[in-house]
Every structure is written in C-alpha cells, then in structure tokens.
PDB file of N, CA and C in Angstrom:
ATOM      1  N   MET A   1     -33.246 -66.911  32.609  1.00  0.00           N
ATOM      2  CA  MET A   1     -32.523 -67.635  31.350  1.00  0.00           C
ATOM      3  C   MET A   1     -32.449 -65.638  30.375  1.00  0.00           C
ATOM      4  N   VAL A   2     -31.448 -65.388  29.973  1.00  0.00           N
ATOM      5  CA  VAL A   2     -30.464 -64.201  29.672  1.00  0.00           C
ATOM      6  C   VAL A   2     -31.397 -64.496  28.096  1.00  0.00           C
ATOM      7  N   THR A   3     -32.132 -63.229  27.140  1.00  0.00           N
ATOM      8  CA  THR A   3     -32.535 -63.720  26.241  1.00  0.00           C
ATOM      9  C   THR A   3     -31.665 -62.552  25.183  1.00  0.00           C
ATOM     10  N   MET A   4     -31.091 -63.046  24.266  1.00  0.00           N
ATOM     11  CA  MET A   4     -30.253 -62.479  23.185  1.00  0.00           C
ATOM     12  C   MET A   4     -30.378 -61.994  22.137  1.00  0.00           C
ATOM     13  N   TYR A   5     -31.035 -60.749  21.893  1.00  0.00           N
ATOM     14  CA  TYR A   5     -31.580 -60.604  20.531  1.00  0.00           C
ATOM     15  C   TYR A   5     -30.067 -60.151  19.405  1.00  0.00           C
ATOM     16  N   SER A   6     -30.483 -60.876  18.154  1.00  0.00           N
ATOM     17  CA  SER A   6     -29.468 -60.980  17.787  1.00  0.00           C
ATOM     18  C   SER A   6     -29.386 -61.698  16.514  1.00  0.00           C
ATOM     19  N   THR A   7     -28.382 -61.014  15.275  1.00  0.00           N
ATOM     20  CA  THR A   7     -28.615 -62.093  13.708  1.00  0.00           C
ATOM     21  C   THR A   7     -27.192 -62.796  14.212  1.00  0.00           C
ATOM     22  N   PRO A   8     -27.445 -63.587  12.594  1.00  0.00           N
ATOM     23  CA  PRO A   8     -26.910 -64.116  12.068  1.00  0.00           C
ATOM     24  C   PRO A   8     -24.752 -63.418  11.641  1.00  0.00           C
ATOM     25  N   TRP A   9     -25.035 -62.706  11.211  1.00  0.00           N
ATOM     26  CA  TRP A   9     -24.274 -61.996  10.660  1.00  0.00           C
ATOM     27  C   TRP A   9     -23.422 -60.433  11.848  1.00  0.00           C
ATOM     28  N   CYS A  10     -23.788 -60.823  12.651  1.00  0.00           N
ATOM     29  CA  CYS A  10     -22.983 -59.085  14.227  1.00  0.00           C
ATOM     30  C   CYS A  10     -22.205 -60.301  14.738  1.00  0.00           C
ATOM     31  N   GLY A  11     -21.195 -59.199  14.520  1.00  0.00           N
ATOM     32  CA  GLY A  11     -19.861 -59.929  14.661  1.00  0.00           C
ATOM     33  C   GLY A  11     -19.856 -59.557  16.333  1.00  0.00           C
ATOM     34  N   TYR A  12     -20.430 -58.815  17.204  1.00  0.00           N
ATOM     35  CA  TYR A  12     -20.133 -57.829  18.292  1.00  0.00           C
ATOM     36  C   TYR A  12     -21.780 -59.372  18.831  1.00  0.00           C
ATOM     37  N   CYS A  13     -22.082 -59.937  18.679  1.00  0.00           N
ATOM     38  CA  CYS A  13     -23.293 -60.760  19.127  1.00  0.00           C
ATOM     39  C   CYS A  13     -22.560 -62.113  19.003  1.00  0.00           C
ATOM     40  N   ARG A  14     -21.147 -62.529  17.950  1.00  0.00           N
ATOM     41  CA  ARG A  14     -20.537 -63.896  17.766  1.00  0.00           C
ATOM     42  C   ARG A  14     -19.578 -64.318  19.292  1.00  0.00           C
ATOM     43  N   ARG A  15     -19.220 -62.816  19.181  1.00  0.00           N
ATOM     44  CA  ARG A  15     -18.071 -62.275  20.290  1.00  0.00           C
ATOM     45  C   ARG A  15     -18.645 -62.579  21.847  1.00  0.00           C
ATOM     46  N   LEU A  16     -20.082 -61.936  22.033  1.00  0.00           N
ATOM     47  CA  LEU A  16     -21.119 -61.958  23.483  1.00  0.00           C
ATOM     48  C   LEU A  16     -20.891 -63.449  23.296  1.00  0.00           C
ATOM     49  N   LYS A  17     -21.821 -64.494  22.182  1.00  0.00           N
ATOM     50  CA  LYS A  17     -22.262 -65.546  23.150  1.00  0.00           C
ATOM     51  C   LYS A  17     -21.224 -66.141  23.561  1.00  0.00           C
ATOM     52  N   ASP A  18     -20.097 -66.700  22.426  1.00  0.00           N
ATOM     53  CA  ASP A  18     -18.287 -67.165  23.231  1.00  0.00           C
ATOM     54  C   ASP A  18     -18.026 -66.768  23.696  1.00  0.00           C
ATOM     55  N   GLN A  19     -18.230 -65.372  24.905  1.00  0.00           N
ATOM     56  CA  GLN A  19     -17.614 -64.707  26.032  1.00  0.00           C
ATOM     57  C   GLN A  19     -18.556 -65.669  27.223  1.00  0.00           C
ATOM     58  N   MET A  20     -20.095 -65.283  27.018  1.00  0.00           N
ATOM     59  CA  MET A  20     -21.235 -66.049  27.599  1.00  0.00           C
ATOM     60  C   MET A  20     -21.100 -67.846  27.754  1.00  0.00           C
ATOM     61  N   ASP A  21     -21.257 -68.320  26.337  1.00  0.00           N
ATOM     62  CA  ASP A  21     -20.223 -69.521  26.475  1.00  0.00           C
ATOM     63  C   ASP A  21     -19.379 -69.870  27.573  1.00  0.00           C
ATOM     64  N   ARG A  22     -18.198 -68.972  27.456  1.00  0.00           N
ATOM     65  CA  ARG A  22     -16.796 -69.318  28.559  1.00  0.00           C
ATOM     66  C   ARG A  22     -17.527 -69.626  29.883  1.00  0.00           C
ATOM     67  N   GLU A  23     -18.514 -68.941  29.990  1.00  0.00           N
ATOM     68  CA  GLU A  23     -18.319 -67.847  31.127  1.00  0.00           C
ATOM     69  C   GLU A  23     -19.590 -69.194  32.253  1.00  0.00           C
ATOM     70  N   GLY A  24     -20.321 -70.224  31.239  1.00  0.00           N
ATOM     71  CA  GLY A  24     -21.321 -70.931  31.335  1.00  0.00           C
ATOM     72  C   GLY A  24     -22.434 -70.218  32.006  1.00  0.00           C
ATOM     73  N   ILE A  25     -23.041 -69.159  30.794  1.00  0.00           N
ATOM     74  CA  ILE A  25     -23.969 -68.436  30.999  1.00  0.00           C
ATOM     75  C   ILE A  25     -25.065 -68.797  29.892  1.00  0.00           C
ATOM     76  N   GLN A  26     -26.302 -69.663  30.712  1.00  0.00           N
ATOM     77  CA  GLN A  26     -27.141 -69.888  29.541  1.00  0.00           C
ATOM     78  C   GLN A  26     -28.312 -68.542  29.368  1.00  0.00           C
ATOM     79  N   TYR A  27     -28.065 -68.968  27.700  1.00  0.00           N
ATOM     80  CA  TYR A  27     -28.806 -68.077  26.990  1.00  0.00           C
ATOM     81  C   TYR A  27     -29.937 -68.320  26.050  1.00  0.00           C
ATOM     82  N   GLU A  28     -31.119 -67.503  25.725  1.00  0.00           N
ATOM     83  CA  GLU A  28     -31.881 -68.242  24.104  1.00  0.00           C
ATOM     84  C   GLU A  28     -31.376 -66.975  22.988  1.00  0.00           C
ATOM     85  N   VAL A  29     -30.853 -67.145  22.147  1.00  0.00           N
ATOM     86  CA  VAL A  29     -30.655 -66.272  20.961  1.00  0.00           C
ATOM     87  C   VAL A  29     -32.228 -65.996  20.426  1.00  0.00           C
ATOM     88  N   VAL A  30     -32.666 -64.819  19.949  1.00  0.00           N
ATOM     89  CA  VAL A  30     -33.699 -64.610  18.807  1.00  0.00           C
ATOM     90  C   VAL A  30     -33.170 -64.095  18.092  1.00  0.00           C
ATOM     91  N   ASP A  31     -33.197 -64.551  17.047  1.00  0.00           N
ATOM     92  CA  ASP A  31     -32.774 -63.552  15.776  1.00  0.00           C
ATOM     93  C   ASP A  31     -33.655 -62.545  15.382  1.00  0.00           C
ATOM     94  N   ILE A  32     -33.694 -60.781  15.368  1.00  0.00           N
ATOM     95  CA  ILE A  32     -34.432 -60.390  14.664  1.00  0.00           C
ATOM     96  C   ILE A  32     -34.272 -60.273  13.376  1.00  0.00           C
ATOM     97  N   GLU A  33     -33.850 -61.194  12.239  1.00  0.00           N
ATOM     98  CA  GLU A  33     -34.115 -60.876  11.081  1.00  0.00           C
ATOM     99  C   GLU A  33     -35.193 -61.515  10.540  1.00  0.00           C
ATOM    100  N   GLU A  34     -35.419 -62.927  11.582  1.00  0.00           N
ATOM    101  CA  GLU A  34     -36.944 -64.279  11.493  1.00  0.00           C
ATOM    102  C   GLU A  34     -37.412 -63.483  12.273  1.00  0.00           C
ATOM    103  N   ASP A  35     -38.251 -62.878  13.310  1.00  0.00           N
ATOM    104  CA  ASP A  35     -38.969 -62.544  14.038  1.00  0.00           C
ATOM    105  C   ASP A  35     -39.022 -61.056  14.162  1.00  0.00           C
ATOM    106  N   PRO A  36     -40.159 -60.810  13.719  1.00  0.00           N
ATOM    107  CA  PRO A  36     -40.140 -59.135  13.106  1.00  0.00           C
ATOM    108  C   PRO A  36     -41.144 -58.619  14.503  1.00  0.00           C
ATOM    109  N   ALA A  37     -41.842 -59.723  15.211  1.00  0.00           N
ATOM    110  CA  ALA A  37     -42.333 -59.109  16.640  1.00  0.00           C
ATOM    111  C   ALA A  37     -40.571 -58.681  17.816  1.00  0.00           C
ATOM    112  N   SER A  38     -40.030 -59.124  17.555  1.00  0.00           N
ATOM    113  CA  SER A  38     -38.469 -59.595  18.404  1.00  0.00           C
ATOM    114  C   SER A  38     -37.879 -58.162  17.988  1.00  0.00           C
ATOM    115  N   ALA A  39     -37.957 -57.834  16.459  1.00  0.00           N
ATOM    116  CA  ALA A  39     -37.356 -56.609  16.089  1.00  0.00           C
ATOM    117  C   ALA A  39     -37.718 -55.203  16.727  1.00  0.00           C
ATOM    118  N   ASP A  40     -39.195 -55.092  16.651  1.00  0.00           N
ATOM    119  CA  ASP A  40     -40.129 -53.996  17.040  1.00  0.00           C
ATOM    120  C   ASP A  40     -39.913 -53.791  18.349  1.00  0.00           C
ATOM    121  N   TYR A  41     -39.610 -55.202  19.012  1.00  0.00           N
ATOM    122  CA  TYR A  41     -39.301 -54.468  20.687  1.00  0.00           C
ATOM    123  C   TYR A  41     -37.708 -54.551  20.928  1.00  0.00           C
ATOM    124  N   VAL A  42     -37.159 -54.903  19.911  1.00  0.00           N
ATOM    125  CA  VAL A  42     -35.128 -53.966  19.847  1.00  0.00           C
ATOM    126  C   VAL A  42     -35.303 -52.791  19.644  1.00  0.00           C
ATOM    127  N   MET A  43     -36.121 -52.388  18.676  1.00  0.00           N
ATOM    128  CA  MET A  43     -36.046 -51.272  18.533  1.00  0.00           C
ATOM    129  C   MET A  43     -37.568 -50.101  19.178  1.00  0.00           C
ATOM    130  N   SER A  44     -37.768 -50.701  20.355  1.00  0.00           N
ATOM    131  CA  SER A  44     -39.016 -49.946  20.921  1.00  0.00           C
ATOM    132  C   SER A  44     -37.996 -49.438  22.627  1.00  0.00           C
ATOM    133  N   ILE A  45     -36.507 -50.668  22.217  1.00  0.00           N
ATOM    134  CA  ILE A  45     -35.831 -50.245  24.195  1.00  0.00           C
ATOM    135  C   ILE A  45     -34.695 -49.019  22.927  1.00  0.00           C
ATOM    136  N   ASN A  46     -33.978 -49.165  22.100  1.00  0.00           N
ATOM    137  CA  ASN A  46     -33.334 -48.465  21.644  1.00  0.00           C
ATOM    138  C   ASN A  46     -33.582 -47.451  20.784  1.00  0.00           C
ATOM    139  N   GLY A  47     -34.456 -46.469  20.757  1.00  0.00           N
ATOM    140  CA  GLY A  47     -34.541 -45.450  20.552  1.00  0.00           C
ATOM    141  C   GLY A  47     -34.839 -45.565  18.205  1.00  0.00           C
ATOM    142  N   GLY A  48     -35.699 -46.733  18.675  1.00  0.00           N
ATOM    143  CA  GLY A  48     -36.251 -47.045  17.172  1.00  0.00           C
ATOM    144  C   GLY A  48     -35.284 -47.710  16.155  1.00  0.00           C
ATOM    145  N   ASN A  49     -33.899 -48.098  17.033  1.00  0.00           N
ATOM    146  CA  ASN A  49     -33.049 -48.430  16.065  1.00  0.00           C
ATOM    147  C   ASN A  49     -33.059 -50.020  16.561  1.00  0.00           C
ATOM    148  N   ALA A  50     -32.264 -50.824  15.862  1.00  0.00           N
ATOM    149  CA  ALA A  50     -32.129 -52.309  16.002  1.00  0.00           C
ATOM    150  C   ALA A  50     -30.926 -52.581  16.073  1.00  0.00           C
ATOM    151  N   VAL A  51     -31.057 -52.109  17.498  1.00  0.00           N
ATOM    152  CA  VAL A  51     -29.246 -52.521  17.862  1.00  0.00           C
ATOM    153  C   VAL A  51     -28.986 -54.044  18.120  1.00  0.00           C
ATOM    154  N   VAL A  52     -28.421 -54.651  17.591  1.00  0.00           N
ATOM    155  CA  VAL A  52     -27.535 -55.676  18.268  1.00  0.00           C
ATOM    156  C   VAL A  52     -26.400 -56.148  18.602  1.00  0.00           C
ATOM    157  N   PRO A  53     -25.722 -56.802  19.284  1.00  0.00           N
ATOM    158  CA  PRO A  53     -26.890 -58.004  20.537  1.00  0.00           C
ATOM    159  C   PRO A  53     -27.303 -56.825  21.839  1.00  0.00           C
ATOM    160  N   THR A  54     -28.927 -57.095  21.374  1.00  0.00           N
ATOM    161  CA  THR A  54     -29.715 -55.981  22.830  1.00  0.00           C
ATOM    162  C   THR A  54     -29.600 -57.548  23.425  1.00  0.00           C
ATOM    163  N   VAL A  55     -29.903 -57.560  25.192  1.00  0.00           N
ATOM    164  CA  VAL A  55     -29.787 -58.815  26.101  1.00  0.00           C
ATOM    165  C   VAL A  55     -30.843 -57.977  27.169  1.00  0.00           C
ATOM    166  N   LYS A  56     -32.009 -58.879  27.351  1.00  0.00           N
ATOM    167  CA  LYS A  56     -33.173 -58.801  28.322  1.00  0.00           C
ATOM    168  C   LYS A  56     -32.806 -59.903  29.379  1.00  0.00           C
ATOM    169  N   PHE A  57     -32.688 -59.634  30.615  1.00  0.00           N
ATOM    170  CA  PHE A  57     -32.700 -60.066  31.664  1.00  0.00           C
ATOM    171  C   PHE A  57     -33.727 -60.443  32.052  1.00  0.00           C
ATOM    172  N   PRO A  58     -33.567 -62.225  33.184  1.00  0.00           N
ATOM    173  CA  PRO A  58     -34.815 -62.207  33.482  1.00  0.00           C
ATOM    174  C   PRO A  58     -35.910 -61.813  34.250  1.00  0.00           C
ATOM    175  N   ASP A  59     -35.006 -60.289  35.396  1.00  0.00           N
ATOM    176  CA  ASP A  59     -36.242 -58.695  35.381  1.00  0.00           C
ATOM    177  C   ASP A  59     -36.871 -58.602  34.667  1.00  0.00           C
ATOM    178  N   GLY A  60     -36.041 -58.927  33.161  1.00  0.00           N
ATOM    179  CA  GLY A  60     -37.100 -57.455  32.234  1.00  0.00           C
ATOM    180  C   GLY A  60     -36.432 -56.560  31.810  1.00  0.00           C
ATOM    181  N   SER A  61     -35.032 -56.651  32.512  1.00  0.00           N
ATOM    182  CA  SER A  61     -34.343 -55.065  32.243  1.00  0.00           C
ATOM    183  C   SER A  61     -33.325 -55.265  30.805  1.00  0.00           C
ATOM    184  N   THR A  62     -33.093 -54.764  30.490  1.00  0.00           N
ATOM    185  CA  THR A  62     -32.022 -55.125  29.456  1.00  0.00           C
ATOM    186  C   THR A  62     -30.331 -54.164  29.198  1.00  0.00           C
ATOM    187  N   LEU A  63     -30.037 -54.537  28.098  1.00  0.00           N
ATOM    188  CA  LEU A  63     -28.661 -54.020  28.189  1.00  0.00           C
ATOM    189  C   LEU A  63     -28.692 -54.543  26.743  1.00  0.00           C
ATOM    190  N   THR A  64     -28.060 -53.034  25.917  1.00  0.00           N
ATOM    191  CA  THR A  64     -27.637 -52.843  24.761  1.00  0.00           C
ATOM    192  C   THR A  64     -25.697 -52.679  24.844  1.00  0.00           C
ATOM    193  N   ASN A  65     -25.454 -54.001  23.182  1.00  0.00           N
ATOM    194  CA  ASN A  65     -24.476 -53.986  23.223  1.00  0.00           C
ATOM    195  C   ASN A  65     -23.577 -54.140  24.835  1.00  0.00           C
ATOM    196  N   PRO A  66     -23.657 -55.089  25.961  1.00  0.00           N
ATOM    197  CA  PRO A  66     -22.956 -55.097  26.768  1.00  0.00           C
ATOM    198  C   PRO A  66     -21.729 -55.889  26.657  1.00  0.00           C
ATOM    199  N   THR A  67     -20.623 -55.240  27.333  1.00  0.00           N
ATOM    200  CA  THR A  67     -19.867 -56.670  27.711  1.00  0.00           C
ATOM    201  C   THR A  67     -19.759 -57.223  28.659  1.00  0.00           C
ATOM    202  N   ILE A  68     -19.082 -58.577  28.500  1.00  0.00           N
ATOM    203  CA  ILE A  68     -19.039 -59.363  29.256  1.00  0.00           C
ATOM    204  C   ILE A  68     -19.627 -59.906  31.398  1.00  0.00           C
ATOM    205  N   VAL A  69     -18.417 -58.255  31.263  1.00  0.00           N
ATOM    206  CA  VAL A  69     -17.762 -57.644  32.289  1.00  0.00           C
ATOM    207  C   VAL A  69     -19.782 -57.245  32.856  1.00  0.00           C
ATOM    208  N   GLN A  70     -20.012 -56.397  32.025  1.00  0.00           N
ATOM    209  CA  GLN A  70     -21.546 -55.880  32.756  1.00  0.00           C
ATOM    210  C   GLN A  70     -23.172 -56.888  32.414  1.00  0.00           C
ATOM    211  N   VAL A  71     -22.773 -58.110  32.212  1.00  0.00           N
ATOM    212  CA  VAL A  71     -23.409 -59.512  31.771  1.00  0.00           C
ATOM    213  C   VAL A  71     -22.914 -60.598  33.497  1.00  0.00           C
ATOM    214  N   ARG A  72     -21.950 -60.507  33.820  1.00  0.00           N
ATOM    215  CA  ARG A  72     -21.841 -60.747  34.863  1.00  0.00           C
ATOM    216  C   ARG A  72     -22.756 -60.087  36.411  1.00  0.00           C
ATOM    217  N   GLU A  73     -22.262 -58.917  36.193  1.00  0.00           N
ATOM    218  CA  GLU A  73     -22.678 -57.755  36.778  1.00  0.00           C
ATOM    219  C   GLU A  73     -23.937 -57.661  37.316  1.00  0.00           C
ATOM    220  N   LYS A  74     -24.679 -57.904  36.589  1.00  0.00           N
ATOM    221  CA  LYS A  74     -26.026 -57.818  36.369  1.00  0.00           C
ATOM    222  C   LYS A  74     -26.592 -58.881  37.092  1.00  0.00           C
ATOM    223  N   LEU A  75     -26.475 -60.275  36.246  1.00  0.00           N
ATOM    224  CA  LEU A  75     -27.160 -61.222  36.934  1.00  0.00           C
ATOM    225  C   LEU A  75     -25.887 -62.136  38.477  1.00  0.00           C
ATOM    226  N   ALA A  76     -25.188 -60.844  38.610  1.00  0.00           N
ATOM    227  CA  ALA A  76     -24.296 -61.650  40.308  1.00  0.00           C
ATOM    228  C   ALA A  76     -23.574 -63.032  39.497  1.00  0.00           C
ATOM    229  N   VAL A  77     -22.607 -62.850  38.653  1.00  0.00           N
ATOM    230  CA  VAL A  77     -21.951 -64.368  38.414  1.00  0.00           C
ATOM    231  C   VAL A  77     -20.276 -63.926  38.508  1.00  0.00           C
ATOM    232  N   PRO A  78     -20.191 -64.367  39.566  1.00  0.00           N
ATOM    233  CA  PRO A  78     -18.683 -64.339  39.664  1.00  0.00           C
ATOM    234  C   PRO A  78     -17.802 -64.148  38.608  1.00  0.00           C
ATOM    235  N   SER A  79     -16.696 -63.417  38.283  1.00  0.00           N
ATOM    236  CA  SER A  79     -15.881 -63.719  37.096  1.00  0.00           C
ATOM    237  C   SER A  79     -14.934 -65.520  37.170  1.00  0.00           C
ATOM    238  N   ALA A  80     -14.916 -66.512  35.842  1.00  0.00           N
ATOM    239  CA  ALA A  80     -14.442 -67.238  36.499  1.00  0.00           C
ATOM    240  C   ALA A  80     -12.895 -67.369  36.258  1.00  0.00           C
TER     241      ALA A  80
END
C-alpha cells in the first residue's frame, strides 16, 4: 500500500487523493501536522522542507508532489 504524507489544507494533496481514488489505488494518509515523526521523515527526504504530498511506495522509494501518471508508472498500474 502507498503512504501519502499530507496536510488537511494542501490542495495538491486533495487533488492527488481524488485521482488515486478514481484510479482505485489504495493509500494510507499520514497528516504530518498531527505526527511529528512523519514530518521529520518528510523533511529528511526533501532537503529539510516539509513538502506535501510526499508519497512512499511499498518498495520504500518516494516521490514528492507526484502526478497521478508518475504514481501509476511507479506502481505499474495501467491507466483507467
């Protein structure tokens, strides 16, 4: 399952969630404002910046502010 590090106010996060829902891609959302350890993790992979959405894939790799095309490609999911 994909993990999306997010905040409630992030428009890019809402858009990606909506797109992943339409594509049937399952994901878990972690609110970095509610979980300081997750905020530290996001900053550790984004040069000290709390950039969301940051998406972590089952293989441990991450993408920052990815498009739905990038997420599908990473998961080898054909387009709907």
